[in-house]
Amino acid sequence: MAIPAVKARLRSGSITLTGSEAHQIRALYIRWTAFKRDCVQKGLLEPEWIDLVIEDFVLFPGERPGKVTTSPERIAWGFEGYRMAMLDSYHRKWRKHFTEITWQKAGAAHRFNNQKILKQADAWVVGRQHERSAFAHLILRLNTVLDQNRRP
């Protein structure tokens, strides 16, 4: 499992963004670009080694579509559109690297979203269910990458 790797992560932290959807989209972009820049410039990682994982929002049966229930979906796709627009506006001699999103179903990370596992990974955030969910998605993605790179 990816638990030891997540626990030993070099850069950590989590935040629950608030404010309008437009504000959250811009804030996500600023946080994402700062994180990726740190990974490349300070961590000396290749841009292709950096993953961007977003929970693939699905409206549950019986929930009424509307602003409250579909806001996460609009923010996720707004963030993607904002990133694409910023890439298109980037005019330099060298092309800017664009990280494709890995969309993960909410239920896929559910098995990692429990207190025991998240505490083992030093990722239990008291009172912040969305941040705990994000850490569960981190563990799922890292497990997937480790499985893909496992030698036969």
Protein backbone atom coordinates (compact mmCIF):
# COMPACT_ATOMS: atom_id res chain seq x y z
CA MET A 1 0.00 0.00 0.00
CA ALA A 2 0.95 3.59 -0.47
CA ILE A 3 0.46 4.49 3.20
CA PRO A 4 4.20 4.78 4.06
CA ALA A 5 4.84 6.94 0.98
CA VAL A 6 1.94 9.24 1.79
CA LYS A 7 3.09 9.51 5.40
CA ALA A 8 6.62 10.44 4.26
CA ARG A 9 5.42 13.10 1.80
CA LEU A 10 7.68 16.11 1.55
CA ARG A 11 5.05 18.78 1.00
CA SER A 12 1.81 18.51 2.82
CA GLY A 13 -1.16 20.47 3.89
CA SER A 14 -4.76 20.81 3.02
CA ILE A 15 -7.29 23.56 2.82
CA THR A 16 -11.01 23.88 2.29
CA LEU A 17 -11.60 26.73 -0.11
CA THR A 18 -14.59 28.99 0.37
CA GLY A 19 -16.09 31.85 -1.55
CA SER A 20 -17.67 32.06 -4.95
CA GLU A 21 -17.05 29.37 -7.53
CA ALA A 22 -14.97 31.80 -9.62
CA HIS A 23 -12.85 32.62 -6.57
CA GLN A 24 -12.30 28.93 -5.82
CA ILE A 25 -11.35 28.17 -9.44
CA ARG A 26 -8.70 30.90 -9.45
CA ALA A 27 -7.44 29.86 -6.00
CA LEU A 28 -7.13 26.24 -7.16
CA TYR A 29 -5.15 27.36 -10.21
CA ILE A 30 -2.75 29.43 -8.10
CA ARG A 31 -2.22 26.55 -5.65
CA TRP A 32 -1.80 24.01 -8.46
CA THR A 33 0.78 26.04 -10.39
CA ALA A 34 2.76 26.82 -7.23
CA PHE A 35 2.77 23.13 -6.29
CA LYS A 36 3.85 22.00 -9.76
CA ARG A 37 6.54 24.70 -9.95
CA ASP A 38 7.94 23.57 -6.57
CA CYS A 39 7.96 19.95 -7.71
CA VAL A 40 9.92 20.81 -10.86
CA GLN A 41 12.21 23.58 -9.65
CA LYS A 42 12.89 22.53 -6.06
CA GLY A 43 12.09 18.82 -6.14
CA LEU A 44 13.77 18.37 -9.53
CA LEU A 45 10.94 16.21 -10.82
CA GLU A 46 10.10 15.92 -14.49
CA PRO A 47 6.76 17.64 -15.23
CA GLU A 48 5.42 14.36 -16.63
CA TRP A 49 5.86 12.70 -13.21
CA ILE A 50 3.36 15.01 -11.54
CA ASP A 51 -0.25 13.90 -11.34
CA LEU A 52 -3.36 16.01 -11.00
CA VAL A 53 -6.22 14.00 -9.54
CA ILE A 54 -9.78 15.26 -9.26
CA GLU A 55 -12.80 13.44 -7.91
CA ASP A 56 -15.24 12.72 -10.72
CA PHE A 57 -18.43 14.20 -9.33
CA VAL A 58 -21.62 12.17 -9.78
CA LEU A 59 -24.98 13.35 -8.54
CA PHE A 60 -26.56 10.65 -6.37
CA PRO A 61 -30.02 9.31 -7.29
CA GLY A 62 -32.72 11.30 -5.59
CA GLU A 63 -30.64 14.45 -5.22
CA ARG A 64 -32.11 17.47 -6.91
CA PRO A 65 -29.84 19.13 -9.44
CA GLY A 66 -29.09 22.68 -8.52
CA LYS A 67 -26.36 25.06 -7.51
CA VAL A 68 -25.63 23.47 -4.11
CA THR A 69 -25.42 19.87 -5.33
CA THR A 70 -23.54 20.53 -8.58
CA SER A 71 -21.11 23.22 -7.40
CA PRO A 72 -18.15 20.77 -7.09
CA GLU A 73 -18.66 19.69 -10.70
CA ARG A 74 -18.77 23.28 -11.96
CA ILE A 75 -15.63 24.16 -9.98
CA ALA A 76 -13.74 21.12 -11.31
CA TRP A 77 -14.62 21.84 -14.93
CA GLY A 78 -14.11 25.57 -14.44
CA PHE A 79 -10.63 24.80 -13.11
CA GLU A 80 -9.91 22.65 -16.16
CA GLY A 81 -11.14 25.37 -18.51
CA TYR A 82 -9.10 28.01 -16.66
CA ARG A 83 -5.96 25.86 -16.96
CA MET A 84 -6.56 25.38 -20.68
CA ALA A 85 -7.07 29.10 -21.22
CA MET A 86 -3.88 29.92 -19.32
CA LEU A 87 -1.99 27.38 -21.44
CA ASP A 88 -3.36 28.94 -24.63
CA SER A 89 -2.26 32.39 -23.46
CA TYR A 90 1.29 31.21 -22.74
CA HIS A 91 3.54 32.57 -25.49
CA ARG A 92 7.17 31.60 -25.11
CA LYS A 93 9.82 29.84 -27.12
CA TRP A 94 9.29 26.61 -25.15
CA ARG A 95 5.88 25.06 -24.82
CA LYS A 96 4.46 24.90 -21.30
CA HIS A 97 3.76 21.39 -20.00
CA PHE A 98 0.09 20.60 -19.44
CA THR A 99 -0.81 17.94 -16.89
CA GLU A 100 -3.85 15.94 -17.89
CA ILE A 101 -6.38 15.34 -15.12
CA THR A 102 -6.84 11.87 -13.69
CA TRP A 103 -10.54 11.69 -12.86
CA GLN A 104 -11.32 9.26 -10.03
CA LYS A 105 -14.80 8.15 -9.04
CA ALA A 106 -15.71 9.11 -5.47
CA GLY A 107 -16.50 5.53 -4.52
CA ALA A 108 -13.13 4.28 -5.72
CA ALA A 109 -11.30 6.07 -2.89
CA HIS A 110 -13.93 5.30 -0.26
CA ARG A 111 -12.03 2.31 1.17
CA PHE A 112 -9.14 4.63 2.11
CA ASN A 113 -11.36 7.30 3.64
CA ASN A 114 -11.45 6.00 7.19
CA GLN A 115 -9.82 7.17 10.38
CA LYS A 116 -7.49 4.19 10.81
CA ILE A 117 -5.94 4.36 7.33
CA LEU A 118 -5.74 8.15 7.21
CA LYS A 119 -4.11 8.31 10.66
CA GLN A 120 -1.52 5.73 9.51
CA ALA A 121 -0.80 8.03 6.55
CA ASP A 122 -0.66 11.13 8.78
CA ALA A 123 -3.56 12.48 6.75
CA TRP A 124 -6.45 12.60 9.24
CA VAL A 125 -7.79 16.15 9.24
CA VAL A 126 -10.23 16.63 12.11
CA GLY A 127 -13.55 18.13 11.08
CA ARG A 128 -12.66 18.41 7.38
CA GLN A 129 -14.37 15.61 5.48
CA HIS A 130 -13.54 17.05 2.03
CA GLU A 131 -9.84 17.25 2.90
CA ARG A 132 -9.89 13.69 4.20
CA SER A 133 -11.55 12.64 0.96
CA ALA A 134 -8.76 14.34 -1.01
CA PHE A 135 -6.14 12.42 0.98
CA ALA A 136 -8.05 9.18 0.29
CA HIS A 137 -7.86 10.01 -3.43
CA LEU A 138 -4.11 10.63 -3.05
CA ILE A 139 -3.67 7.18 -1.52
CA LEU A 140 -5.77 5.56 -4.26
CA ARG A 141 -3.80 7.27 -7.04
CA LEU A 142 -0.45 6.39 -5.51
CA ASN A 143 -1.54 2.76 -5.09
CA THR A 144 -2.55 2.72 -8.77
CA VAL A 145 0.80 4.18 -9.87
CA LEU A 146 2.73 1.75 -7.68
CA ASP A 147 0.73 -1.18 -9.10
CA GLN A 148 1.37 -0.01 -12.68
CA ASN A 149 5.12 0.22 -12.04
CA ARG A 150 5.44 -3.05 -10.13
CA ARG A 151 7.85 -5.38 -11.83
CA PRO A 152 6.41 -8.81 -12.73
